[in-house]
C-alpha atoms as a PDB file:
ATOM      1  CA  UNK A   1       0.000   0.000   0.000  1.00  0.00           C
ATOM      2  CA  UNK A   2       2.916   2.369   0.660  1.00  0.00           C
ATOM      3  CA  UNK A   3       3.809   2.578  -3.036  1.00  0.00           C
ATOM      4  CA  UNK A   4       0.235   3.491  -4.016  1.00  0.00           C
ATOM      5  CA  UNK A   5       0.270   6.236  -1.371  1.00  0.00           C
ATOM      6  CA  UNK A   6       3.536   7.567  -2.819  1.00  0.00           C
ATOM      7  CA  UNK A   7       1.975   7.801  -6.284  1.00  0.00           C
ATOM      8  CA  UNK A   8      -1.133   9.462  -4.861  1.00  0.00           C
ATOM      9  CA  UNK A   9       0.993  12.079  -3.085  1.00  0.00           C
ATOM     10  CA  UNK A  10       3.020  12.577  -6.274  1.00  0.00           C
ATOM     11  CA  UNK A  11      -0.024  13.194  -8.496  1.00  0.00           C
ATOM     12  CA  UNK A  12      -1.781  15.498  -6.030  1.00  0.00           C
ATOM     13  CA  UNK A  13       1.429  17.461  -5.416  1.00  0.00           C
ATOM     14  CA  UNK A  14       2.210  17.912  -9.122  1.00  0.00           C
ATOM     15  CA  UNK A  15      -1.352  19.033  -9.882  1.00  0.00           C
ATOM     16  CA  UNK A  16      -1.789  21.409  -6.943  1.00  0.00           C
ATOM     17  CA  UNK A  17       1.493  22.731  -5.528  1.00  0.00           C
ATOM     18  CA  UNK A  18       2.821  24.410  -8.731  1.00  0.00           C
ATOM     19  CA  UNK A  19      -0.545  26.141  -9.186  1.00  0.00           C
ATOM     20  CA  UNK A  20      -0.496  27.426  -5.602  1.00  0.00           C
ATOM     21  CA  UNK A  21       3.076  28.736  -5.969  1.00  0.00           C
ATOM     22  CA  UNK A  22       2.180  30.460  -9.270  1.00  0.00           C
ATOM     23  CA  UNK A  23       0.461  33.206  -7.263  1.00  0.00           C
ATOM     24  CA  UNK A  24       4.026  34.350  -6.424  1.00  0.00           C
ATOM     25  CA  UNK A  25       4.848  34.350 -10.182  1.00  0.00           C
ATOM     26  CA  UNK A  26       7.033  31.254  -9.923  1.00  0.00           C
ATOM     27  CA  UNK A  27       6.654  29.183 -13.147  1.00  0.00           C
ATOM     28  CA  UNK A  28       4.922  25.835 -12.645  1.00  0.00           C
ATOM     29  CA  UNK A  29       7.710  23.967 -14.445  1.00  0.00           C
ATOM     30  CA  UNK A  30      10.352  25.361 -12.100  1.00  0.00           C
ATOM     31  CA  UNK A  31       8.318  24.369  -9.031  1.00  0.00           C
ATOM     32  CA  UNK A  32       7.858  20.843 -10.385  1.00  0.00           C
ATOM     33  CA  UNK A  33      11.596  20.573 -11.080  1.00  0.00           C
ATOM     34  CA  UNK A  34      12.489  21.612  -7.512  1.00  0.00           C
ATOM     35  CA  UNK A  35       9.893  19.204  -6.096  1.00  0.00           C
ATOM     36  CA  UNK A  36      11.450  16.380  -8.116  1.00  0.00           C
ATOM     37  CA  UNK A  37      14.947  17.141  -6.833  1.00  0.00           C
ATOM     38  CA  UNK A  38      13.766  17.330  -3.218  1.00  0.00           C
ATOM     39  CA  UNK A  39      11.746  14.104  -3.523  1.00  0.00           C
ATOM     40  CA  UNK A  40      14.698  12.213  -4.974  1.00  0.00           C
ATOM     41  CA  UNK A  41      17.288  13.656  -2.592  1.00  0.00           C
ATOM     42  CA  UNK A  42      15.390  13.498   0.702  1.00  0.00           C
ATOM     43  CA  UNK A  43      12.810  10.731   0.207  1.00  0.00           C
ATOM     44  CA  UNK A  44      14.386   8.482  -2.435  1.00  0.00           C
ATOM     45  CA  UNK A  45      10.978   7.692  -3.950  1.00  0.00           C
ATOM     46  CA  UNK A  46      10.541   6.448  -7.546  1.00  0.00           C
ATOM     47  CA  UNK A  47      14.259   5.847  -8.134  1.00  0.00           C
ATOM     48  CA  UNK A  48      13.483   2.590  -9.996  1.00  0.00           C
ATOM     49  CA  UNK A  49       9.897   3.323 -11.026  1.00  0.00           C
ATOM     50  CA  UNK A  50       9.089   2.415 -14.638  1.00  0.00           C
ATOM     51  CA  UNK A  51       5.788   4.288 -14.318  1.00  0.00           C
ATOM     52  CA  UNK A  52       7.521   7.584 -13.561  1.00  0.00           C
ATOM     53  CA  UNK A  53      10.040   6.879 -16.353  1.00  0.00           C
ATOM     54  CA  UNK A  54       7.194   6.543 -18.889  1.00  0.00           C
ATOM     55  CA  UNK A  55       5.487   9.673 -17.549  1.00  0.00           C
ATOM     56  CA  UNK A  56       8.793  11.551 -17.731  1.00  0.00           C
ATOM     57  CA  UNK A  57       9.243  10.471 -21.358  1.00  0.00           C
ATOM     58  CA  UNK A  58       5.730  11.674 -22.194  1.00  0.00           C
ATOM     59  CA  UNK A  59       6.509  14.921 -20.403  1.00  0.00           C
ATOM     60  CA  UNK A  60       9.767  15.740 -22.196  1.00  0.00           C
ATOM     61  CA  UNK A  61       8.387  14.736 -25.611  1.00  0.00           C
ATOM     62  CA  UNK A  62       5.263  16.839 -25.044  1.00  0.00           C
ATOM     63  CA  UNK A  63       7.308  19.892 -24.052  1.00  0.00           C
ATOM     64  CA  UNK A  64       9.415  19.728 -27.202  1.00  0.00           C
ATOM     65  CA  UNK A  65       6.403  18.846 -29.334  1.00  0.00           C
ATOM     66  CA  UNK A  66       4.775  22.102 -28.215  1.00  0.00           C
ATOM     67  CA  UNK A  67       8.005  24.007 -28.813  1.00  0.00           C
ATOM     68  CA  UNK A  68       8.101  22.682 -32.383  1.00  0.00           C
ATOM     69  CA  UNK A  69       4.460  23.616 -32.984  1.00  0.00           C
ATOM     70  CA  UNK A  70       5.259  27.234 -32.106  1.00  0.00           C
ATOM     71  CA  UNK A  71       7.682  27.599 -35.029  1.00  0.00           C
ATOM     72  CA  UNK A  72       6.489  29.876 -37.810  1.00  0.00           C
ATOM     73  CA  UNK A  73       9.077  29.847 -40.590  1.00  0.00           C
ATOM     74  CA  UNK A  74       7.537  32.962 -42.133  1.00  0.00           C
ATOM     75  CA  UNK A  75       8.103  34.943 -38.928  1.00  0.00           C
ATOM     76  CA  UNK A  76      11.604  33.548 -38.481  1.00  0.00           C
ATOM     77  CA  UNK A  77      12.517  34.536 -42.044  1.00  0.00           C
ATOM     78  CA  UNK A  78      11.028  38.026 -41.670  1.00  0.00           C
ATOM     79  CA  UNK A  79      13.072  38.715 -38.542  1.00  0.00           C
ATOM     80  CA  UNK A  80      16.108  36.798 -39.738  1.00  0.00           C
ATOM     81  CA  UNK A  81      18.796  39.492 -39.201  1.00  0.00           C
ATOM     82  CA  UNK A  82      17.839  40.065 -35.551  1.00  0.00           C
ATOM     83  CA  UNK A  83      17.567  36.344 -34.811  1.00  0.00           C
ATOM     84  CA  UNK A  84      20.885  35.609 -36.538  1.00  0.00           C
ATOM     85  CA  UNK A  85      22.598  38.149 -34.278  1.00  0.00           C
ATOM     86  CA  UNK A  86      20.917  36.532 -31.285  1.00  0.00           C
ATOM     87  CA  UNK A  87      22.054  33.063 -32.401  1.00  0.00           C
ATOM     88  CA  UNK A  88      25.629  34.311 -32.892  1.00  0.00           C
ATOM     89  CA  UNK A  89      25.642  35.711 -29.346  1.00  0.00           C
ATOM     90  CA  UNK A  90      24.209  32.447 -27.977  1.00  0.00           C
ATOM     91  CA  UNK A  91      26.734  30.419 -29.957  1.00  0.00           C
ATOM     92  CA  UNK A  92      29.569  32.542 -28.594  1.00  0.00           C
ATOM     93  CA  UNK A  93      28.343  32.035 -25.017  1.00  0.00           C
ATOM     94  CA  UNK A  94      28.134  28.256 -25.568  1.00  0.00           C
ATOM     95  CA  UNK A  95      31.636  28.215 -27.062  1.00  0.00           C
ATOM     96  CA  UNK A  96      33.156  30.206 -24.177  1.00  0.00           C
ATOM     97  CA  UNK A  97      31.327  28.082 -21.616  1.00  0.00           C
ATOM     98  CA  UNK A  98      32.548  24.905 -23.346  1.00  0.00           C
ATOM     99  CA  UNK A  99      36.159  26.071 -23.228  1.00  0.00           C
ATOM    100  CA  UNK A 100      35.945  27.162 -19.557  1.00  0.00           C
ATOM    101  CA  UNK A 101      34.227  23.935 -18.431  1.00  0.00           C
ATOM    102  CA  UNK A 102      36.706  21.789 -20.354  1.00  0.00           C
ATOM    103  CA  UNK A 103      39.607  23.635 -18.752  1.00  0.00           C
ATOM    104  CA  UNK A 104      38.268  23.712 -15.171  1.00  0.00           C
ATOM    105  CA  UNK A 105      36.786  20.191 -15.047  1.00  0.00           C
ATOM    106  CA  UNK A 106      39.291  18.558 -17.404  1.00  0.00           C
ATOM    107  CA  UNK A 107      36.563  17.320 -19.768  1.00  0.00           C
ATOM    108  CA  UNK A 108      36.954  16.309 -23.376  1.00  0.00           C
ATOM    109  CA  UNK A 109      35.308  18.538 -25.981  1.00  0.00           C
ATOM    110  CA  UNK A 110      32.132  16.492 -26.454  1.00  0.00           C
ATOM    111  CA  UNK A 111      31.456  16.283 -22.707  1.00  0.00           C
ATOM    112  CA  UNK A 112      32.122  19.993 -22.267  1.00  0.00           C
ATOM    113  CA  UNK A 113      29.759  20.908 -25.125  1.00  0.00           C
ATOM    114  CA  UNK A 114      26.883  18.852 -23.707  1.00  0.00           C
ATOM    115  CA  UNK A 115      27.390  20.275 -20.205  1.00  0.00           C
ATOM    116  CA  UNK A 116      27.615  23.785 -21.662  1.00  0.00           C
ATOM    117  CA  UNK A 117      24.326  23.298 -23.520  1.00  0.00           C
ATOM    118  CA  UNK A 118      22.693  22.134 -20.300  1.00  0.00           C
ATOM    119  CA  UNK A 119      23.877  25.217 -18.422  1.00  0.00           C
ATOM    120  CA  UNK A 120      23.261  27.891 -21.073  1.00  0.00           C
ATOM    121  CA  UNK A 121      20.151  26.806 -23.004  1.00  0.00           C
ATOM    122  CA  UNK A 122      16.806  27.894 -21.512  1.00  0.00           C
ATOM    123  CA  UNK A 123      13.884  25.461 -21.765  1.00  0.00           C
ATOM    124  CA  UNK A 124      11.620  26.744 -24.522  1.00  0.00           C
ATOM    125  CA  UNK A 125       8.857  24.406 -23.390  1.00  0.00           C
ATOM    126  CA  UNK A 126       8.828  25.921 -19.898  1.00  0.00           C
ATOM    127  CA  UNK A 127       9.056  29.459 -21.299  1.00  0.00           C
ATOM    128  CA  UNK A 128       6.102  28.970 -23.644  1.00  0.00           C
ATOM    129  CA  UNK A 129       4.137  27.296 -20.865  1.00  0.00           C
ATOM    130  CA  UNK A 130       4.786  30.145 -18.407  1.00  0.00           C
ATOM    131  CA  UNK A 131       4.703  33.256 -20.586  1.00  0.00           C
ATOM    132  CA  UNK A 132       0.987  33.882 -20.031  1.00  0.00           C
ATOM    133  CA  UNK A 133       1.549  34.206 -16.281  1.00  0.00           C
ATOM    134  CA  UNK A 134       3.427  37.488 -16.734  1.00  0.00           C
ATOM    135  CA  UNK A 135       2.184  40.889 -17.894  1.00  0.00           C
ATOM    136  CA  UNK A 136       4.166  41.186 -21.124  1.00  0.00           C
ATOM    137  CA  UNK A 137       3.037  43.217 -24.094  1.00  0.00           C
ATOM    138  CA  UNK A 138       2.237  41.362 -27.320  1.00  0.00           C
ATOM    139  CA  UNK A 139       5.516  42.527 -28.850  1.00  0.00           C
ATOM    140  CA  UNK A 140       7.488  41.332 -25.810  1.00  0.00           C
ATOM    141  CA  UNK A 141       5.737  37.951 -25.980  1.00  0.00           C
ATOM    142  CA  UNK A 142       6.625  37.668 -29.658  1.00  0.00           C
ATOM    143  CA  UNK A 143      10.333  38.328 -29.148  1.00  0.00           C
ATOM    144  CA  UNK A 144      10.592  36.123 -26.047  1.00  0.00           C
ATOM    145  CA  UNK A 145       8.967  33.298 -27.990  1.00  0.00           C
ATOM    146  CA  UNK A 146      11.022  33.842 -31.167  1.00  0.00           C
ATOM    147  CA  UNK A 147      14.381  34.085 -29.417  1.00  0.00           C
ATOM    148  CA  UNK A 148      13.646  31.108 -27.175  1.00  0.00           C
ATOM    149  CA  UNK A 149      12.773  28.990 -30.220  1.00  0.00           C
ATOM    150  CA  UNK A 150      15.897  30.198 -32.069  1.00  0.00           C
ATOM    151  CA  UNK A 151      18.010  29.167 -29.065  1.00  0.00           C
ATOM    152  CA  UNK A 152      16.281  25.788 -28.985  1.00  0.00           C
ATOM    153  CA  UNK A 153      16.977  25.102 -32.660  1.00  0.00           C
ATOM    154  CA  UNK A 154      20.639  26.063 -32.254  1.00  0.00           C
ATOM    155  CA  UNK A 155      21.017  23.873 -29.153  1.00  0.00           C
ATOM    156  CA  UNK A 156      19.332  20.889 -30.823  1.00  0.00           C
ATOM    157  CA  UNK A 157      21.601  21.125 -33.855  1.00  0.00           C
ATOM    158  CA  UNK A 158      24.733  21.363 -31.697  1.00  0.00           C
ATOM    159  CA  UNK A 159      23.514  18.510 -29.477  1.00  0.00           C
ATOM    160  CA  UNK A 160      22.796  16.265 -32.455  1.00  0.00           C
ATOM    161  CA  UNK A 161      26.192  16.696 -34.099  1.00  0.00           C
ATOM    162  CA  UNK A 162      28.006  16.494 -30.750  1.00  0.00           C
ATOM    163  CA  UNK A 163      26.394  13.229 -29.683  1.00  0.00           C
ATOM    164  CA  UNK A 164      26.866  11.570 -33.071  1.00  0.00           C
ATOM    165  CA  UNK A 165      30.341  12.883 -33.854  1.00  0.00           C
ATOM    166  CA  UNK A 166      32.194   9.808 -32.597  1.00  0.00           C
ATOM    167  CA  UNK A 167      32.389   8.478 -36.145  1.00  0.00           C
ATOM    168  CA  UNK A 168      31.245   9.430 -39.643  1.00  0.00           C
ATOM    169  CA  UNK A 169      29.321   6.131 -39.852  1.00  0.00           C
ATOM    170  CA  UNK A 170      27.262   6.953 -36.746  1.00  0.00           C
ATOM    171  CA  UNK A 171      26.654  10.489 -37.944  1.00  0.00           C
ATOM    172  CA  UNK A 172      25.629   9.260 -41.401  1.00  0.00           C
ATOM    173  CA  UNK A 173      23.168   6.681 -40.021  1.00  0.00           C
ATOM    174  CA  UNK A 174      21.619   9.215 -37.645  1.00  0.00           C
ATOM    175  CA  UNK A 175      21.313  11.873 -40.368  1.00  0.00           C
ATOM    176  CA  UNK A 176      19.689   9.346 -42.709  1.00  0.00           C
ATOM    177  CA  UNK A 177      17.212   8.329 -40.004  1.00  0.00           C
ATOM    178  CA  UNK A 178      16.324  11.970 -39.245  1.00  0.00           C
ATOM    179  CA  UNK A 179      15.838  12.744 -42.958  1.00  0.00           C
ATOM    180  CA  UNK A 180      13.652   9.651 -43.341  1.00  0.00           C
ATOM    181  CA  UNK A 181      11.619  10.766 -40.327  1.00  0.00           C
ATOM    182  CA  UNK A 182      11.107  14.233 -41.860  1.00  0.00           C
ATOM    183  CA  UNK A 183       9.924  12.592 -45.113  1.00  0.00           C
ATOM    184  CA  UNK A 184       7.583  10.043 -43.499  1.00  0.00           C
ATOM    185  CA  UNK A 185       5.960  12.253 -40.846  1.00  0.00           C
ATOM    186  CA  UNK A 186       3.988  14.453 -43.310  1.00  0.00           C
ATOM    187  CA  UNK A 187       2.729  11.268 -44.999  1.00  0.00           C
ATOM    188  CA  UNK A 188       1.588   9.880 -41.634  1.00  0.00           C
ATOM    189  CA  UNK A 189      -0.183  13.145 -40.769  1.00  0.00           C
ATOM    190  CA  UNK A 190      -1.943  13.259 -44.168  1.00  0.00           C
ATOM    191  CA  UNK A 191      -3.106   9.655 -43.784  1.00  0.00           C
ATOM    192  CA  UNK A 192      -4.417  10.441 -40.312  1.00  0.00           C
ATOM    193  CA  UNK A 193      -6.299  13.530 -41.541  1.00  0.00           C
ATOM    194  CA  UNK A 194      -7.809  11.575 -44.434  1.00  0.00           C
ATOM    195  CA  UNK A 195      -8.659   8.232 -42.840  1.00  0.00           C
ATOM    196  CA  UNK A 196      -8.996   8.725 -39.076  1.00  0.00           C
ATOM    197  CA  UNK A 197      -9.674  12.343 -38.103  1.00  0.00           C
ATOM    198  CA  UNK A 198     -13.087  12.560 -39.877  1.00  0.00           C
ATOM    199  CA  UNK A 199     -14.361   9.635 -37.798  1.00  0.00           C
ATOM    200  CA  UNK A 200     -12.552  10.286 -34.506  1.00  0.00           C
ATOM    201  CA  UNK A 201     -13.438  13.712 -33.194  1.00  0.00           C
ATOM    202  CA  UNK A 202     -10.786  15.626 -31.221  1.00  0.00           C
ATOM    203  CA  UNK A 203      -8.185  12.903 -31.762  1.00  0.00           C
ATOM    204  CA  UNK A 204      -5.573  15.251 -33.277  1.00  0.00           C
ATOM    205  CA  UNK A 205      -3.793  16.060 -30.012  1.00  0.00           C
ATOM    206  CA  UNK A 206      -3.644  12.403 -28.992  1.00  0.00           C
ATOM    207  CA  UNK A 207      -2.182  11.485 -32.388  1.00  0.00           C
ATOM    208  CA  UNK A 208       0.405  14.283 -32.163  1.00  0.00           C
ATOM    209  CA  UNK A 209       1.565  13.186 -28.724  1.00  0.00           C
ATOM    210  CA  UNK A 210       1.713   9.550 -29.861  1.00  0.00           C
ATOM    211  CA  UNK A 211       3.846  10.467 -32.896  1.00  0.00           C
ATOM    212  CA  UNK A 212       6.098  12.685 -30.759  1.00  0.00           C
ATOM    213  CA  UNK A 213       6.553   9.814 -28.294  1.00  0.00           C
ATOM    214  CA  UNK A 214       7.414   7.326 -31.061  1.00  0.00           C
ATOM    215  CA  UNK A 215       9.803   9.715 -32.826  1.00  0.00           C
ATOM    216  CA  UNK A 216      11.346  10.638 -29.484  1.00  0.00           C
ATOM    217  CA  UNK A 217      12.038   6.980 -28.696  1.00  0.00           C
ATOM    218  CA  UNK A 218      13.528   6.510 -32.191  1.00  0.00           C
ATOM    219  CA  UNK A 219      15.946   9.422 -31.775  1.00  0.00           C
ATOM    220  CA  UNK A 220      16.766   8.176 -28.266  1.00  0.00           C
ATOM    221  CA  UNK A 221      17.754   4.818 -29.766  1.00  0.00           C
ATOM    222  CA  UNK A 222      19.885   6.742 -32.259  1.00  0.00           C
ATOM    223  CA  UNK A 223      21.745   8.262 -29.313  1.00  0.00           C
ATOM    224  CA  UNK A 224      20.428  11.820 -29.727  1.00  0.00           C
ATOM    225  CA  UNK A 225      17.807  11.831 -26.935  1.00  0.00           C
ATOM    226  CA  UNK A 226      14.010  12.136 -27.023  1.00  0.00           C
ATOM    227  CA  UNK A 227      13.710  15.855 -27.569  1.00  0.00           C
ATOM    228  CA  UNK A 228      14.978  15.940 -31.168  1.00  0.00           C
ATOM    229  CA  UNK A 229      12.333  13.529 -32.492  1.00  0.00           C
ATOM    230  CA  UNK A 230       9.578  15.280 -30.539  1.00  0.00           C
ATOM    231  CA  UNK A 231      10.696  18.701 -31.766  1.00  0.00           C
ATOM    232  CA  UNK A 232      10.704  17.542 -35.417  1.00  0.00           C
ATOM    233  CA  UNK A 233       7.188  16.132 -34.929  1.00  0.00           C
ATOM    234  CA  UNK A 234       5.977  19.511 -33.663  1.00  0.00           C
ATOM    235  CA  UNK A 235       7.541  21.376 -36.587  1.00  0.00           C
ATOM    236  CA  UNK A 236       5.853  19.012 -39.067  1.00  0.00           C
ATOM    237  CA  UNK A 237       2.489  19.097 -37.263  1.00  0.00           C
ATOM    238  CA  UNK A 238       2.491  22.917 -37.361  1.00  0.00           C
ATOM    239  CA  UNK A 239       2.311  22.767 -41.178  1.00  0.00           C
ATOM    240  CA  UNK A 240      -1.173  21.199 -41.035  1.00  0.00           C
ATOM    241  CA  UNK A 241      -4.145  23.365 -40.058  1.00  0.00           C
ATOM    242  CA  UNK A 242      -5.817  20.411 -38.293  1.00  0.00           C
ATOM    243  CA  UNK A 243      -3.109  20.553 -35.637  1.00  0.00           C
ATOM    244  CA  UNK A 244      -3.084  24.305 -35.079  1.00  0.00           C
ATOM    245  CA  UNK A 245      -4.105  25.139 -31.530  1.00  0.00           C
ATOM    246  CA  UNK A 246      -7.815  25.680 -30.885  1.00  0.00           C
ATOM    247  CA  UNK A 247      -9.661  26.292 -27.634  1.00  0.00           C
ATOM    248  CA  UNK A 248     -10.568  22.613 -27.418  1.00  0.00           C
ATOM    249  CA  UNK A 249      -7.059  21.387 -28.239  1.00  0.00           C
ATOM    250  CA  UNK A 250      -5.607  23.776 -25.640  1.00  0.00           C
ATOM    251  CA  UNK A 251      -7.675  22.016 -22.956  1.00  0.00           C
ATOM    252  CA  UNK A 252      -6.419  18.630 -24.136  1.00  0.00           C
ATOM    253  CA  UNK A 253      -2.819  19.847 -24.239  1.00  0.00           C
ATOM    254  CA  UNK A 254      -3.197  21.118 -20.685  1.00  0.00           C
ATOM    255  CA  UNK A 255      -4.575  17.746 -19.554  1.00  0.00           C
END
């Protein structure tokens, strides 16, 4: 019975505590992250739980799915010069951080790059999820969103090439798999829209999350982690009007 009580406490805490703390303008994602650290460090719960592992995978793939959906290539192209400058600054910070970490901690280049990305890249998923809790103007929201997404794309590209740079064979296989995924995903979405969506009302969000989960697992098996597959799924889904956010889909995304 103790394990069931642990899960009950976990679910209630995740659903309620971040919302209560939000009244102090603390993002829900940050509260959940701190709660997870404290639970692991002081209580030692869920260390070997497959249930929490599956939920965590759904969580990280959903976050990067939503980040991918937010991409508007027209907007990115229109504001290209500003975003390029921002990316150059971010790239310089990552490079400096990589060098400093490698020197101080005596890490090889690949290890230092990954650690640098972890320390310098903000979570676009958390930013997009929390932005409505603050009194930003529409223009401020736009630039926060655009720059966060630009940072995410840069970090994902660096992460991909860093993790698969051990050999040209590994890099080639991973690139081929990613390209194949980009080719097949639009076909899968079109088939869904044509054969399933007309007969299964409000199933679009469920299908998106399922595809993000599958693609995330595929890229994890490729050694590039879940977030790249989920992000690609979001970018592809955003090209189809059936998957553009509506009031009903927002409720499902929240759930």
